[in-house]
Amino acid sequence: MSRNRYSFRRPVSKKPAADKSAAEIVSELKKSSAPLNNYREQSLKIHGLICAKCGREFDHANRHLLTVHHKDGNHRNNPPDGSNWENLCVYCHDDEHSRGMLGDYLSGKE
């Protein structure tokens, strides 16, 4: 079973949580469990089974090691042309996200 760990749901309502009843919140949570459009599969079709950073090629057997990175960091920004995505292997994806953390640590921002 292949599961994308970066799966996010769109908010169902704009009403502030403080103004909602428990029943409304539960209802929205149930509705939001519907799957989002599968941008991972779209990105793999558009950009191919290759890591954009290290150039490693993937096939059907190991494609689960290829992830989709959102260039602008916004997981909800999923244009159909794939312009906000790049396919990265799990190692390059982890490296990409740890770079900012390392930079903040070294500059004292934490």
PDB file of N, CA and C in Angstrom:
ATOM      1  N   MET A   1       0.850  -1.185   0.000  1.00  0.00           N
ATOM      2  CA  MET A   1       0.000   0.000   0.000  1.00  0.00           C
ATOM      3  C   MET A   1       0.889   1.240   0.000  1.00  0.00           C
ATOM      4  N   SER A   2       0.718   2.088  -0.968  1.00  0.00           N
ATOM      5  CA  SER A   2       1.490   3.318  -1.085  1.00  0.00           C
ATOM      6  C   SER A   2       0.667   4.473  -0.539  1.00  0.00           C
ATOM      7  N   ARG A   3       1.181   5.115   0.468  1.00  0.00           N
ATOM      8  CA  ARG A   3       0.458   6.222   1.083  1.00  0.00           C
ATOM      9  C   ARG A   3       1.358   7.446   1.099  1.00  0.00           C
ATOM     10  N   ASN A   4       0.856   8.553   0.671  1.00  0.00           N
ATOM     11  CA  ASN A   4       1.614   9.794   0.632  1.00  0.00           C
ATOM     12  C   ASN A   4       1.531  10.457   1.986  1.00  0.00           C
ATOM     13  N   ARG A   5       2.687  10.672   2.620  1.00  0.00           N
ATOM     14  CA  ARG A   5       2.674  11.252   3.963  1.00  0.00           C
ATOM     15  C   ARG A   5       2.391  12.758   3.959  1.00  0.00           C
ATOM     16  N   TYR A   6       2.336  13.370   2.795  1.00  0.00           N
ATOM     17  CA  TYR A   6       2.074  14.807   2.700  1.00  0.00           C
ATOM     18  C   TYR A   6       0.668  15.089   2.208  1.00  0.00           C
ATOM     19  N   SER A   7      -0.264  14.282   2.650  1.00  0.00           N
ATOM     20  CA  SER A   7      -1.645  14.449   2.218  1.00  0.00           C
ATOM     21  C   SER A   7      -2.359  15.451   3.122  1.00  0.00           C
ATOM     22  N   PHE A   8      -2.870  16.510   2.555  1.00  0.00           N
ATOM     23  CA  PHE A   8      -3.573  17.527   3.313  1.00  0.00           C
ATOM     24  C   PHE A   8      -4.984  17.682   2.775  1.00  0.00           C
ATOM     25  N   ARG A   9      -5.887  18.109   3.613  1.00  0.00           N
ATOM     26  CA  ARG A   9      -7.286  18.272   3.235  1.00  0.00           C
ATOM     27  C   ARG A   9      -7.628  19.759   3.149  1.00  0.00           C
ATOM     28  N   ARG A  10      -8.535  20.069   2.255  1.00  0.00           N
ATOM     29  CA  ARG A  10      -9.001  21.447   2.137  1.00  0.00           C
ATOM     30  C   ARG A  10     -10.046  21.706   3.216  1.00  0.00           C
ATOM     31  N   PRO A  11     -10.070  22.911   3.796  1.00  0.00           N
ATOM     32  CA  PRO A  11     -11.111  23.209   4.778  1.00  0.00           C
ATOM     33  C   PRO A  11     -12.480  23.218   4.113  1.00  0.00           C
ATOM     34  N   VAL A  12     -13.450  22.680   4.811  1.00  0.00           N
ATOM     35  CA  VAL A  12     -14.796  22.580   4.264  1.00  0.00           C
ATOM     36  C   VAL A  12     -15.556  23.874   4.465  1.00  0.00           C
ATOM     37  N   SER A  13     -15.319  24.553   5.565  1.00  0.00           N
ATOM     38  CA  SER A  13     -16.087  25.743   5.885  1.00  0.00           C
ATOM     39  C   SER A  13     -15.166  26.873   6.313  1.00  0.00           C
ATOM     40  N   LYS A  14     -15.585  28.091   6.081  1.00  0.00           N
ATOM     41  CA  LYS A  14     -14.826  29.267   6.502  1.00  0.00           C
ATOM     42  C   LYS A  14     -15.258  29.753   7.894  1.00  0.00           C
ATOM     43  N   LYS A  15     -16.281  29.136   8.463  1.00  0.00           N
ATOM     44  CA  LYS A  15     -16.807  29.532   9.752  1.00  0.00           C
ATOM     45  C   LYS A  15     -15.764  29.244  10.837  1.00  0.00           C
ATOM     46  N   PRO A  16     -15.420  30.190  11.712  1.00  0.00           N
ATOM     47  CA  PRO A  16     -14.424  29.957  12.751  1.00  0.00           C
ATOM     48  C   PRO A  16     -14.815  28.786  13.650  1.00  0.00           C
ATOM     49  N   ALA A  17     -13.807  28.007  14.073  1.00  0.00           N
ATOM     50  CA  ALA A  17     -14.057  26.815  14.886  1.00  0.00           C
ATOM     51  C   ALA A  17     -14.779  27.156  16.190  1.00  0.00           C
ATOM     52  N   ALA A  18     -14.510  28.336  16.742  1.00  0.00           N
ATOM     53  CA  ALA A  18     -15.142  28.724  18.009  1.00  0.00           C
ATOM     54  C   ALA A  18     -16.653  28.890  17.865  1.00  0.00           C
ATOM     55  N   ASP A  19     -17.131  29.179  16.647  1.00  0.00           N
ATOM     56  CA  ASP A  19     -18.553  29.386  16.414  1.00  0.00           C
ATOM     57  C   ASP A  19     -19.282  28.106  15.987  1.00  0.00           C
ATOM     58  N   LYS A  20     -18.574  26.977  15.931  1.00  0.00           N
ATOM     59  CA  LYS A  20     -19.171  25.732  15.462  1.00  0.00           C
ATOM     60  C   LYS A  20     -19.537  24.832  16.630  1.00  0.00           C
ATOM     61  N   SER A  21     -20.594  24.073  16.430  1.00  0.00           N
ATOM     62  CA  SER A  21     -20.962  23.070  17.428  1.00  0.00           C
ATOM     63  C   SER A  21     -20.095  21.835  17.207  1.00  0.00           C
ATOM     64  N   ALA A  22     -20.069  20.955  18.186  1.00  0.00           N
ATOM     65  CA  ALA A  22     -19.297  19.724  18.064  1.00  0.00           C
ATOM     66  C   ALA A  22     -19.809  18.888  16.894  1.00  0.00           C
ATOM     67  N   ALA A  23     -21.117  18.869  16.707  1.00  0.00           N
ATOM     68  CA  ALA A  23     -21.700  18.095  15.608  1.00  0.00           C
ATOM     69  C   ALA A  23     -21.241  18.638  14.251  1.00  0.00           C
ATOM     70  N   GLU A  24     -21.153  19.977  14.118  1.00  0.00           N
ATOM     71  CA  GLU A  24     -20.691  20.575  12.861  1.00  0.00           C
ATOM     72  C   GLU A  24     -19.228  20.210  12.596  1.00  0.00           C
ATOM     73  N   ILE A  25     -18.426  20.236  13.629  1.00  0.00           N
ATOM     74  CA  ILE A  25     -17.002  19.909  13.481  1.00  0.00           C
ATOM     75  C   ILE A  25     -16.834  18.454  13.061  1.00  0.00           C
ATOM     76  N   VAL A  26     -17.564  17.549  13.725  1.00  0.00           N
ATOM     77  CA  VAL A  26     -17.490  16.130  13.380  1.00  0.00           C
ATOM     78  C   VAL A  26     -17.950  15.906  11.947  1.00  0.00           C
ATOM     79  N   SER A  27     -19.020  16.574  11.555  1.00  0.00           N
ATOM     80  CA  SER A  27     -19.533  16.439  10.194  1.00  0.00           C
ATOM     81  C   SER A  27     -18.501  16.898   9.170  1.00  0.00           C
ATOM     82  N   GLU A  28     -17.835  18.016   9.436  1.00  0.00           N
ATOM     83  CA  GLU A  28     -16.816  18.527   8.514  1.00  0.00           C
ATOM     84  C   GLU A  28     -15.617  17.595   8.434  1.00  0.00           C
ATOM     85  N   LEU A  29     -15.228  17.027   9.571  1.00  0.00           N
ATOM     86  CA  LEU A  29     -14.099  16.102   9.566  1.00  0.00           C
ATOM     87  C   LEU A  29     -14.416  14.855   8.741  1.00  0.00           C
ATOM     88  N   LYS A  30     -15.643  14.373   8.840  1.00  0.00           N
ATOM     89  CA  LYS A  30     -16.040  13.213   8.052  1.00  0.00           C
ATOM     90  C   LYS A  30     -16.042  13.537   6.566  1.00  0.00           C
ATOM     91  N   LYS A  31     -16.533  14.720   6.207  1.00  0.00           N
ATOM     92  CA  LYS A  31     -16.557  15.124   4.801  1.00  0.00           C
ATOM     93  C   LYS A  31     -15.140  15.308   4.264  1.00  0.00           C
ATOM     94  N   SER A  32     -14.240  15.829   5.095  1.00  0.00           N
ATOM     95  CA  SER A  32     -12.885  16.122   4.634  1.00  0.00           C
ATOM     96  C   SER A  32     -12.032  14.872   4.485  1.00  0.00           C
ATOM     97  N   SER A  33     -12.543  13.708   4.898  1.00  0.00           N
ATOM     98  CA  SER A  33     -11.756  12.493   4.748  1.00  0.00           C
ATOM     99  C   SER A  33     -11.820  11.944   3.329  1.00  0.00           C
ATOM    100  N   ALA A  34     -12.606  12.574   2.474  1.00  0.00           N
ATOM    101  CA  ALA A  34     -12.641  12.171   1.065  1.00  0.00           C
ATOM    102  C   ALA A  34     -11.283  12.468   0.446  1.00  0.00           C
ATOM    103  N   PRO A  35     -10.783  11.592  -0.415  1.00  0.00           N
ATOM    104  CA  PRO A  35      -9.444  11.790  -0.973  1.00  0.00           C
ATOM    105  C   PRO A  35      -9.354  13.027  -1.857  1.00  0.00           C
ATOM    106  N   LEU A  36      -8.216  13.687  -1.779  1.00  0.00           N
ATOM    107  CA  LEU A  36      -7.942  14.821  -2.667  1.00  0.00           C
ATOM    108  C   LEU A  36      -7.604  14.272  -4.043  1.00  0.00           C
ATOM    109  N   ASN A  37      -7.608  15.153  -5.006  1.00  0.00           N
ATOM    110  CA  ASN A  37      -7.157  14.698  -6.318  1.00  0.00           C
ATOM    111  C   ASN A  37      -5.713  14.219  -6.157  1.00  0.00           C
ATOM    112  N   ASN A  38      -5.354  13.195  -6.848  1.00  0.00           N
ATOM    113  CA  ASN A  38      -4.059  12.567  -6.642  1.00  0.00           C
ATOM    114  C   ASN A  38      -2.974  13.286  -7.435  1.00  0.00           C
ATOM    115  N   TYR A  39      -2.431  14.343  -6.838  1.00  0.00           N
ATOM    116  CA  TYR A  39      -1.427  15.130  -7.539  1.00  0.00           C
ATOM    117  C   TYR A  39      -0.122  14.360  -7.692  1.00  0.00           C
ATOM    118  N   ARG A  40       0.129  13.380  -6.846  1.00  0.00           N
ATOM    119  CA  ARG A  40       1.347  12.583  -6.982  1.00  0.00           C
ATOM    120  C   ARG A  40       1.353  11.851  -8.327  1.00  0.00           C
ATOM    121  N   GLU A  41       0.265  11.184  -8.625  1.00  0.00           N
ATOM    122  CA  GLU A  41       0.185  10.458  -9.895  1.00  0.00           C
ATOM    123  C   GLU A  41       0.278  11.419 -11.076  1.00  0.00           C
ATOM    124  N   GLN A  42      -0.341  12.583 -10.944  1.00  0.00           N
ATOM    125  CA  GLN A  42      -0.267  13.584 -12.022  1.00  0.00           C
ATOM    126  C   GLN A  42       1.175  14.024 -12.230  1.00  0.00           C
ATOM    127  N   SER A  43       1.882  14.281 -11.127  1.00  0.00           N
ATOM    128  CA  SER A  43       3.264  14.727 -11.220  1.00  0.00           C
ATOM    129  C   SER A  43       4.159  13.650 -11.820  1.00  0.00           C
ATOM    130  N   LEU A  44       3.934  12.405 -11.440  1.00  0.00           N
ATOM    131  CA  LEU A  44       4.739  11.313 -12.000  1.00  0.00           C
ATOM    132  C   LEU A  44       4.519  11.194 -13.505  1.00  0.00           C
ATOM    133  N   LYS A  45       3.281  11.423 -13.960  1.00  0.00           N
ATOM    134  CA  LYS A  45       3.006  11.370 -15.398  1.00  0.00           C
ATOM    135  C   LYS A  45       3.649  12.538 -16.134  1.00  0.00           C
ATOM    136  N   ILE A  46       3.568  13.726 -15.537  1.00  0.00           N
ATOM    137  CA  ILE A  46       4.094  14.933 -16.189  1.00  0.00           C
ATOM    138  C   ILE A  46       5.619  14.944 -16.204  1.00  0.00           C
ATOM    139  N   HIS A  47       6.224  14.699 -15.043  1.00  0.00           N
ATOM    140  CA  HIS A  47       7.673  14.861 -14.891  1.00  0.00           C
ATOM    141  C   HIS A  47       8.466  13.567 -15.038  1.00  0.00           C
ATOM    142  N   GLY A  48       7.783  12.445 -15.072  1.00  0.00           N
ATOM    143  CA  GLY A  48       8.469  11.166 -15.254  1.00  0.00           C
ATOM    144  C   GLY A  48       8.990  10.579 -13.956  1.00  0.00           C
ATOM    145  N   LEU A  49       9.513   9.376 -14.053  1.00  0.00           N
ATOM    146  CA  LEU A  49      10.005   8.645 -12.886  1.00  0.00           C
ATOM    147  C   LEU A  49      11.493   8.890 -12.684  1.00  0.00           C
ATOM    148  N   ILE A  50      11.824  10.161 -12.427  1.00  0.00           N
ATOM    149  CA  ILE A  50      13.220  10.553 -12.233  1.00  0.00           C
ATOM    150  C   ILE A  50      13.296  11.650 -11.184  1.00  0.00           C
ATOM    151  N   CYS A  51      14.312  11.588 -10.342  1.00  0.00           N
ATOM    152  CA  CYS A  51      14.499  12.618  -9.305  1.00  0.00           C
ATOM    153  C   CYS A  51      15.057  13.877  -9.962  1.00  0.00           C
ATOM    154  N   ALA A  52      14.405  14.995  -9.724  1.00  0.00           N
ATOM    155  CA  ALA A  52      14.820  16.268 -10.332  1.00  0.00           C
ATOM    156  C   ALA A  52      16.133  16.778  -9.756  1.00  0.00           C
ATOM    157  N   LYS A  53      16.552  16.264  -8.606  1.00  0.00           N
ATOM    158  CA  LYS A  53      17.760  16.766  -7.959  1.00  0.00           C
ATOM    159  C   LYS A  53      18.987  15.899  -8.265  1.00  0.00           C
ATOM    160  N   CYS A  54      18.888  14.597  -8.007  1.00  0.00           N
ATOM    161  CA  CYS A  54      20.054  13.729  -8.190  1.00  0.00           C
ATOM    162  C   CYS A  54      20.038  12.977  -9.514  1.00  0.00           C
ATOM    163  N   GLY A  55      18.898  12.971 -10.206  1.00  0.00           N
ATOM    164  CA  GLY A  55      18.804  12.324 -11.503  1.00  0.00           C
ATOM    165  C   GLY A  55      18.599  10.819 -11.462  1.00  0.00           C
ATOM    166  N   ARG A  56      18.395  10.272 -10.275  1.00  0.00           N
ATOM    167  CA  ARG A  56      18.163   8.821 -10.181  1.00  0.00           C
ATOM    168  C   ARG A  56      16.864   8.459 -10.899  1.00  0.00           C
ATOM    169  N   GLU A  57      16.917   7.388 -11.672  1.00  0.00           N
ATOM    170  CA  GLU A  57      15.741   6.928 -12.402  1.00  0.00           C
ATOM    171  C   GLU A  57      15.035   5.826 -11.618  1.00  0.00           C
ATOM    172  N   PHE A  58      13.728   5.799 -11.710  1.00  0.00           N
ATOM    173  CA  PHE A  58      12.912   4.841 -10.979  1.00  0.00           C
ATOM    174  C   PHE A  58      12.083   4.028 -11.960  1.00  0.00           C
ATOM    175  N   ASP A  59      11.637   2.869 -11.506  1.00  0.00           N
ATOM    176  CA  ASP A  59      10.758   2.041 -12.315  1.00  0.00           C
ATOM    177  C   ASP A  59       9.537   1.669 -11.476  1.00  0.00           C
ATOM    178  N   HIS A  60       8.720   0.795 -12.021  1.00  0.00           N
ATOM    179  CA  HIS A  60       7.483   0.436 -11.328  1.00  0.00           C
ATOM    180  C   HIS A  60       7.745  -0.193  -9.957  1.00  0.00           C
ATOM    181  N   ALA A  61       8.833  -0.925  -9.816  1.00  0.00           N
ATOM    182  CA  ALA A  61       9.135  -1.633  -8.573  1.00  0.00           C
ATOM    183  C   ALA A  61       9.560  -0.702  -7.434  1.00  0.00           C
ATOM    184  N   ASN A  62      10.237   0.395  -7.755  1.00  0.00           N
ATOM    185  CA  ASN A  62      10.735   1.277  -6.694  1.00  0.00           C
ATOM    186  C   ASN A  62      10.181   2.699  -6.767  1.00  0.00           C
ATOM    187  N   ARG A  63       9.102   2.901  -7.513  1.00  0.00           N
ATOM    188  CA  ARG A  63       8.532   4.243  -7.654  1.00  0.00           C
ATOM    189  C   ARG A  63       8.008   4.811  -6.337  1.00  0.00           C
ATOM    190  N   HIS A  64       7.785   3.938  -5.333  1.00  0.00           N
ATOM    191  CA  HIS A  64       7.331   4.419  -4.024  1.00  0.00           C
ATOM    192  C   HIS A  64       8.394   5.282  -3.338  1.00  0.00           C
ATOM    193  N   LEU A  65       9.638   5.208  -3.797  1.00  0.00           N
ATOM    194  CA  LEU A  65      10.715   6.035  -3.245  1.00  0.00           C
ATOM    195  C   LEU A  65      10.769   7.423  -3.873  1.00  0.00           C
ATOM    196  N   LEU A  66       9.908   7.678  -4.832  1.00  0.00           N
ATOM    197  CA  LEU A  66       9.854   8.972  -5.506  1.00  0.00           C
ATOM    198  C   LEU A  66       8.682   9.770  -4.946  1.00  0.00           C
ATOM    199  N   THR A  67       8.956  10.971  -4.474  1.00  0.00           N
ATOM    200  CA  THR A  67       7.942  11.810  -3.837  1.00  0.00           C
ATOM    201  C   THR A  67       7.748  13.091  -4.637  1.00  0.00           C
ATOM    202  N   VAL A  68       6.702  13.817  -4.303  1.00  0.00           N
ATOM    203  CA  VAL A  68       6.427  15.095  -4.964  1.00  0.00           C
ATOM    204  C   VAL A  68       6.734  16.222  -3.977  1.00  0.00           C
ATOM    205  N   HIS A  69       7.599  17.116  -4.401  1.00  0.00           N
ATOM    206  CA  HIS A  69       7.958  18.291  -3.600  1.00  0.00           C
ATOM    207  C   HIS A  69       7.244  19.506  -4.171  1.00  0.00           C
ATOM    208  N   HIS A  70       6.603  20.282  -3.297  1.00  0.00           N
ATOM    209  CA  HIS A  70       5.961  21.528  -3.723  1.00  0.00           C
ATOM    210  C   HIS A  70       7.013  22.639  -3.665  1.00  0.00           C
ATOM    211  N   LYS A  71       7.321  23.205  -4.792  1.00  0.00           N
ATOM    212  CA  LYS A  71       8.391  24.202  -4.889  1.00  0.00           C
ATOM    213  C   LYS A  71       8.154  25.401  -3.978  1.00  0.00           C
ATOM    214  N   ASP A  72       6.887  25.848  -3.861  1.00  0.00           N
ATOM    215  CA  ASP A  72       6.604  27.019  -3.036  1.00  0.00           C
ATOM    216  C   ASP A  72       6.262  26.646  -1.592  1.00  0.00           C
ATOM    217  N   GLY A  73       6.294  25.364  -1.262  1.00  0.00           N
ATOM    218  CA  GLY A  73       6.014  24.917   0.096  1.00  0.00           C
ATOM    219  C   GLY A  73       4.540  24.828   0.444  1.00  0.00           C
ATOM    220  N   ASN A  74       3.666  25.188  -0.475  1.00  0.00           N
ATOM    221  CA  ASN A  74       2.227  25.177  -0.226  1.00  0.00           C
ATOM    222  C   ASN A  74       1.630  23.902  -0.815  1.00  0.00           C
ATOM    223  N   HIS A  75       1.250  22.968   0.055  1.00  0.00           N
ATOM    224  CA  HIS A  75       0.720  21.683  -0.396  1.00  0.00           C
ATOM    225  C   HIS A  75      -0.656  21.798  -1.033  1.00  0.00           C
ATOM    226  N   ARG A  76      -1.271  22.933  -0.897  1.00  0.00           N
ATOM    227  CA  ARG A  76      -2.585  23.145  -1.516  1.00  0.00           C
ATOM    228  C   ARG A  76      -2.479  23.764  -2.901  1.00  0.00           C
ATOM    229  N   ASN A  77      -1.300  24.216  -3.259  1.00  0.00           N
ATOM    230  CA  ASN A  77      -1.078  24.815  -4.571  1.00  0.00           C
ATOM    231  C   ASN A  77      -0.720  23.695  -5.549  1.00  0.00           C
ATOM    232  N   ASN A  78      -1.743  23.145  -6.196  1.00  0.00           N
ATOM    233  CA  ASN A  78      -1.575  22.013  -7.095  1.00  0.00           C
ATOM    234  C   ASN A  78      -2.117  22.329  -8.493  1.00  0.00           C
ATOM    235  N   PRO A  79      -1.406  23.186  -9.242  1.00  0.00           N
ATOM    236  CA  PRO A  79      -1.872  23.517 -10.589  1.00  0.00           C
ATOM    237  C   PRO A  79      -1.826  22.285 -11.490  1.00  0.00           C
ATOM    238  N   PRO A  80      -2.806  22.133 -12.359  1.00  0.00           N
ATOM    239  CA  PRO A  80      -2.871  20.942 -13.210  1.00  0.00           C
ATOM    240  C   PRO A  80      -1.684  20.789 -14.164  1.00  0.00           C
ATOM    241  N   ASP A  81      -0.952  21.879 -14.428  1.00  0.00           N
ATOM    242  CA  ASP A  81       0.202  21.768 -15.325  1.00  0.00           C
ATOM    243  C   ASP A  81       1.467  21.296 -14.605  1.00  0.00           C
ATOM    244  N   GLY A  82       1.382  21.129 -13.270  1.00  0.00           N
ATOM    245  CA  GLY A  82       2.513  20.618 -12.505  1.00  0.00           C
ATOM    246  C   GLY A  82       3.627  21.612 -12.264  1.00  0.00           C
ATOM    247  N   SER A  83       3.368  22.890 -12.475  1.00  0.00           N
ATOM    248  CA  SER A  83       4.421  23.898 -12.362  1.00  0.00           C
ATOM    249  C   SER A  83       4.917  24.118 -10.927  1.00  0.00           C
ATOM    250  N   ASN A  84       4.182  23.679  -9.928  1.00  0.00           N
ATOM    251  CA  ASN A  84       4.622  23.833  -8.539  1.00  0.00           C
ATOM    252  C   ASN A  84       5.216  22.540  -7.986  1.00  0.00           C
ATOM    253  N   TRP A  85       5.355  21.533  -8.807  1.00  0.00           N
ATOM    254  CA  TRP A  85       5.844  20.242  -8.342  1.00  0.00           C
ATOM    255  C   TRP A  85       7.187  19.902  -8.954  1.00  0.00           C
ATOM    256  N   GLU A  86       7.952  19.132  -8.186  1.00  0.00           N
ATOM    257  CA  GLU A  86       9.107  18.453  -8.742  1.00  0.00           C
ATOM    258  C   GLU A  86       9.213  17.110  -8.038  1.00  0.00           C
ATOM    259  N   ASN A  87       9.517  16.082  -8.802  1.00  0.00           N
ATOM    260  CA  ASN A  87       9.655  14.747  -8.245  1.00  0.00           C
ATOM    261  C   ASN A  87      11.046  14.615  -7.652  1.00  0.00           C
ATOM    262  N   LEU A  88      11.083  14.253  -6.364  1.00  0.00           N
ATOM    263  CA  LEU A  88      12.351  14.049  -5.676  1.00  0.00           C
ATOM    264  C   LEU A  88      12.347  12.684  -5.006  1.00  0.00           C
ATOM    265  N   CYS A  89      13.498  12.014  -5.014  1.00  0.00           N
ATOM    266  CA  CYS A  89      13.597  10.763  -4.268  1.00  0.00           C
ATOM    267  C   CYS A  89      13.489  11.109  -2.781  1.00  0.00           C
ATOM    268  N   VAL A  90      13.203  10.125  -1.967  1.00  0.00           N
ATOM    269  CA  VAL A  90      12.987  10.397  -0.545  1.00  0.00           C
ATOM    270  C   VAL A  90      14.218  11.033   0.097  1.00  0.00           C
ATOM    271  N   TYR A  91      15.412  10.670  -0.374  1.00  0.00           N
ATOM    272  CA  TYR A  91      16.644  11.208   0.200  1.00  0.00           C
ATOM    273  C   TYR A  91      16.815  12.689  -0.150  1.00  0.00           C
ATOM    274  N   CYS A  92      16.592  13.028  -1.406  1.00  0.00           N
ATOM    275  CA  CYS A  92      16.698  14.430  -1.829  1.00  0.00           C
ATOM    276  C   CYS A  92      15.578  15.272  -1.217  1.00  0.00           C
ATOM    277  N   HIS A  93      14.389  14.686  -1.057  1.00  0.00           N
ATOM    278  CA  HIS A  93      13.267  15.418  -0.460  1.00  0.00           C
ATOM    279  C   HIS A  93      13.577  15.748   1.003  1.00  0.00           C
ATOM    280  N   ASP A  94      14.092  14.779   1.733  1.00  0.00           N
ATOM    281  CA  ASP A  94      14.485  15.048   3.124  1.00  0.00           C
ATOM    282  C   ASP A  94      15.575  16.110   3.181  1.00  0.00           C
ATOM    283  N   ASP A  95      16.552  16.029   2.269  1.00  0.00           N
ATOM    284  CA  ASP A  95      17.623  17.015   2.222  1.00  0.00           C
ATOM    285  C   ASP A  95      17.075  18.407   1.935  1.00  0.00           C
ATOM    286  N   GLU A  96      16.137  18.495   1.009  1.00  0.00           N
ATOM    287  CA  GLU A  96      15.543  19.785   0.632  1.00  0.00           C
ATOM    288  C   GLU A  96      14.870  20.448   1.830  1.00  0.00           C
ATOM    289  N   HIS A  97      14.138  19.666   2.617  1.00  0.00           N
ATOM    290  CA  HIS A  97      13.429  20.233   3.765  1.00  0.00           C
ATOM    291  C   HIS A  97      14.347  20.477   4.956  1.00  0.00           C
ATOM    292  N   SER A  98      15.430  19.739   5.070  1.00  0.00           N
ATOM    293  CA  SER A  98      16.333  19.952   6.199  1.00  0.00           C
ATOM    294  C   SER A  98      17.270  21.131   5.975  1.00  0.00           C
ATOM    295  N   ARG A  99      17.446  21.557   4.741  1.00  0.00           N
ATOM    296  CA  ARG A  99      18.335  22.693   4.457  1.00  0.00           C
ATOM    297  C   ARG A  99      17.884  23.972   5.174  1.00  0.00           C
ATOM    298  N   GLY A 100      16.600  24.248   5.119  1.00  0.00           N
ATOM    299  CA  GLY A 100      16.089  25.450   5.791  1.00  0.00           C
ATOM    300  C   GLY A 100      16.256  25.358   7.292  1.00  0.00           C
ATOM    301  N   MET A 101      16.017  24.190   7.837  1.00  0.00           N
ATOM    302  CA  MET A 101      16.168  23.999   9.278  1.00  0.00           C
ATOM    303  C   MET A 101      17.623  24.176   9.689  1.00  0.00           C
ATOM    304  N   LEU A 102      18.551  23.635   8.903  1.00  0.00           N
ATOM    305  CA  LEU A 102      19.960  23.772   9.202  1.00  0.00           C
ATOM    306  C   LEU A 102      20.397  25.227   9.104  1.00  0.00           C
ATOM    307  N   GLY A 103      19.924  25.912   8.066  1.00  0.00           N
ATOM    308  CA  GLY A 103      20.252  27.329   7.920  1.00  0.00           C
ATOM    309  C   GLY A 103      19.750  28.166   9.082  1.00  0.00           C
ATOM    310  N   ASP A 104      18.530  27.906   9.527  1.00  0.00           N
ATOM    311  CA  ASP A 104      17.976  28.619  10.686  1.00  0.00           C
ATOM    312  C   ASP A 104      18.785  28.334  11.941  1.00  0.00           C
ATOM    313  N   TYR A 105      19.180  27.086  12.118  1.00  0.00           N
ATOM    314  CA  TYR A 105      19.951  26.701  13.302  1.00  0.00           C
ATOM    315  C   TYR A 105      21.302  27.397  13.298  1.00  0.00           C
ATOM    316  N   LEU A 106      21.984  27.359  12.155  1.00  0.00           N
ATOM    317  CA  LEU A 106      23.317  27.963  12.080  1.00  0.00           C
ATOM    318  C   LEU A 106      23.285  29.480  12.197  1.00  0.00           C
ATOM    319  N   SER A 107      22.190  30.103  11.792  1.00  0.00           N
ATOM    320  CA  SER A 107      22.108  31.562  11.882  1.00  0.00           C
ATOM    321  C   SER A 107      21.520  32.016  13.218  1.00  0.00           C
ATOM    322  N   GLY A 108      21.126  31.074  14.059  1.00  0.00           N
ATOM    323  CA  GLY A 108      20.602  31.420  15.383  1.00  0.00           C
ATOM    324  C   GLY A 108      19.128  31.745  15.401  1.00  0.00           C
ATOM    325  N   LYS A 109      18.400  31.522  14.321  1.00  0.00           N
ATOM    326  CA  LYS A 109      16.959  31.855  14.269  1.00  0.00           C
ATOM    327  C   LYS A 109      16.114  30.841  15.016  1.00  0.00           C
ATOM    328  N   GLU A 110      16.494  29.588  14.986  1.00  0.00           N
ATOM    329  CA  GLU A 110      15.754  28.456  15.571  1.00  0.00           C
ATOM    330  C   GLU A 110      14.313  28.729  15.582  1.00  0.00           C
TER     331      GLU A 110
END
